[in-house]
C-alpha atoms as a PDB file:
ATOM      1  CA  MET A   1      86.688   1.539-138.227  1.00  0.00           C
ATOM      2  CA  HIS A   2      87.747   0.153-135.767  1.00  0.00           C
ATOM      3  CA  TYR A   3      89.294  -3.383-134.999  1.00  0.00           C
ATOM      4  CA  VAL A   4      89.531  -6.112-132.669  1.00  0.00           C
ATOM      5  CA  TYR A   5      93.496  -7.448-133.445  1.00  0.00           C
ATOM      6  CA  PHE A   6      95.737 -10.930-132.453  1.00  0.00           C
ATOM      7  CA  LEU A   7      99.404 -11.075-131.911  1.00  0.00           C
ATOM      8  CA  ARG A   8     101.119 -13.786-131.290  1.00  0.00           C
ATOM      9  CA  LEU A   9     103.750 -13.423-129.315  1.00  0.00           C
ATOM     10  CA  ALA A  10     107.457 -14.912-129.326  1.00  0.00           C
ATOM     11  CA  ASN A  11     106.964 -17.033-126.305  1.00  0.00           C
ATOM     12  CA  LYS A  12     103.868 -18.249-128.350  1.00  0.00           C
ATOM     13  CA  ARG A  13     101.121 -16.743-126.513  1.00  0.00           C
ATOM     14  CA  VAL A  14      98.256 -14.721-127.584  1.00  0.00           C
ATOM     15  CA  TYR A  15      97.805 -11.382-127.092  1.00  0.00           C
ATOM     16  CA  LYS A  16      94.381  -9.703-128.059  1.00  0.00           C
ATOM     17  CA  GLY A  17      93.605  -5.614-127.942  1.00  0.00           C
ATOM     18  CA  SER A  18      91.485  -3.626-129.870  1.00  0.00           C
ATOM     19  CA  THR A  19      92.256  -0.112-131.329  1.00  0.00           C
ATOM     20  CA  GLY A  20      91.358   2.317-134.020  1.00  0.00           C
ATOM     21  CA  ASN A  21      94.024   3.017-136.361  1.00  0.00           C
ATOM     22  CA  LEU A  22      95.366  -1.033-136.592  1.00  0.00           C
ATOM     23  CA  LYS A  23      99.065   0.136-138.887  1.00  0.00           C
ATOM     24  CA  ARG A  24     100.253   2.765-136.212  1.00  0.00           C
ATOM     25  CA  ARG A  25      99.291  -0.048-133.327  1.00  0.00           C
ATOM     26  CA  MET A  26     101.159  -2.230-134.922  1.00  0.00           C
ATOM     27  CA  GLU A  27     103.777   0.587-135.393  1.00  0.00           C
ATOM     28  CA  GLU A  28     104.236   0.532-131.213  1.00  0.00           C
ATOM     29  CA  HIS A  29     103.970  -2.877-130.830  1.00  0.00           C
ATOM     30  CA  ASN A  30     107.191  -3.328-132.600  1.00  0.00           C
ATOM     31  CA  ALA A  31     109.270  -0.689-131.670  1.00  0.00           C
ATOM     32  CA  GLY A  32     108.854  -1.656-128.174  1.00  0.00           C
ATOM     33  CA  LYS A  33     106.335   1.452-126.800  1.00  0.00           C
ATOM     34  CA  VAL A  34     103.083  -1.096-125.532  1.00  0.00           C
ATOM     35  CA  GLU A  35     104.247  -2.281-122.070  1.00  0.00           C
ATOM     36  CA  SER A  36     102.187  -5.461-122.138  1.00  0.00           C
ATOM     37  CA  THR A  37     104.559  -6.765-125.507  1.00  0.00           C
ATOM     38  CA  ARG A  38     107.830  -5.202-125.131  1.00  0.00           C
ATOM     39  CA  ASN A  39     109.394  -8.400-123.943  1.00  0.00           C
ATOM     40  CA  PHE A  40     107.902 -10.634-126.040  1.00  0.00           C
ATOM     41  CA  ARG A  41     109.439  -9.746-129.398  1.00  0.00           C
ATOM     42  CA  PRO A  42     108.842 -10.774-132.222  1.00  0.00           C
ATOM     43  CA  LEU A  43     105.215 -10.245-132.624  1.00  0.00           C
ATOM     44  CA  THR A  44     103.173 -11.667-135.366  1.00  0.00           C
ATOM     45  CA  LEU A  45      99.586 -10.415-136.471  1.00  0.00           C
ATOM     46  CA  ILE A  46      98.347 -13.800-136.749  1.00  0.00           C
ATOM     47  CA  GLY A  47      94.469 -11.844-137.557  1.00  0.00           C
ATOM     48  CA  TYR A  48      91.857  -9.121-136.682  1.00  0.00           C
ATOM     49  CA  GLU A  49      88.272  -8.407-137.048  1.00  0.00           C
ATOM     50  CA  GLY A  50      86.535  -4.908-137.981  1.00  0.00           C
ATOM     51  CA  TYR A  51      84.032  -3.457-136.399  1.00  0.00           C
ATOM     52  CA  ALA A  52      81.487  -0.361-137.602  1.00  0.00           C
ATOM     53  CA  LEU A  53      81.581   0.720-133.648  1.00  0.00           C
ATOM     54  CA  LYS A  54      83.975   1.713-130.800  1.00  0.00           C
ATOM     55  CA  SER A  55      81.476   0.261-128.853  1.00  0.00           C
ATOM     56  CA  ASP A  56      81.466  -3.353-130.487  1.00  0.00           C
ATOM     57  CA  ALA A  57      85.200  -3.903-131.115  1.00  0.00           C
ATOM     58  CA  GLU A  58      86.213  -3.342-127.246  1.00  0.00           C
ATOM     59  CA  ARG A  59      82.805  -5.828-126.104  1.00  0.00           C
ATOM     60  CA  ARG A  60      84.758  -8.471-128.486  1.00  0.00           C
ATOM     61  CA  GLU A  61      87.793  -7.843-127.070  1.00  0.00           C
ATOM     62  CA  LYS A  62      86.374  -7.948-123.561  1.00  0.00           C
ATOM     63  CA  PHE A  63      84.675 -12.113-124.050  1.00  0.00           C
ATOM     64  CA  LEU A  64      87.556 -13.327-125.971  1.00  0.00           C
ATOM     65  CA  LYS A  65      89.772 -12.050-122.404  1.00  0.00           C
ATOM     66  CA  THR A  66      87.323 -14.371-121.189  1.00  0.00           C
ATOM     67  CA  THR A  67      87.680 -18.101-120.931  1.00  0.00           C
ATOM     68  CA  GLU A  68      84.928 -19.696-123.377  1.00  0.00           C
ATOM     69  CA  GLY A  69      86.645 -16.605-125.846  1.00  0.00           C
ATOM     70  CA  ARG A  70      90.019 -18.096-124.990  1.00  0.00           C
ATOM     71  CA  ARG A  71      88.938 -21.399-126.169  1.00  0.00           C
ATOM     72  CA  LEU A  72      86.327 -20.554-128.953  1.00  0.00           C
ATOM     73  CA  LEU A  73      90.170 -17.988-130.651  1.00  0.00           C
ATOM     74  CA  ARG A  74      92.769 -21.310-130.052  1.00  0.00           C
ATOM     75  CA  GLN A  75      90.468 -23.328-131.845  1.00  0.00           C
ATOM     76  CA  GLN A  76      90.091 -20.872-134.893  1.00  0.00           C
ATOM     77  CA  TYR A  77      93.879 -19.832-135.203  1.00  0.00           C
ATOM     78  CA  ARG A  78      95.133 -23.547-133.527  1.00  0.00           C
ATOM     79  CA  ASP A  79      97.800 -24.105-136.214  1.00  0.00           C
ATOM     80  CA  ILE A  80      99.306 -20.719-136.135  1.00  0.00           C
ATOM     81  CA  ILE A  81      99.687 -20.552-132.517  1.00  0.00           C
ATOM     82  CA  ASN A  82     101.399 -23.560-132.286  1.00  0.00           C
ATOM     83  CA  GLU A  83     103.574 -23.196-135.776  1.00  0.00           C
ATOM     84  CA  GLU A  84     107.148 -23.546-134.930  1.00  0.00           C
END
């Protein structure tokens, strides 16, 4: 199984990533081993999507990083993103 996951960063932005092992990847983020999120801890996993094929997960992650994808993600998780 391959996952696309969404993290709420300390600066209230949303990080999008994909992985084949969600538990291990979350441990790496929380330990500060991921350079792009290291300075924005604590991190909160706000959601994830599972895919049977890695190519589908990568395609979805790429879409979510576009303007339209960001807009849809903000609509879907607006209450969590805006939470204080």
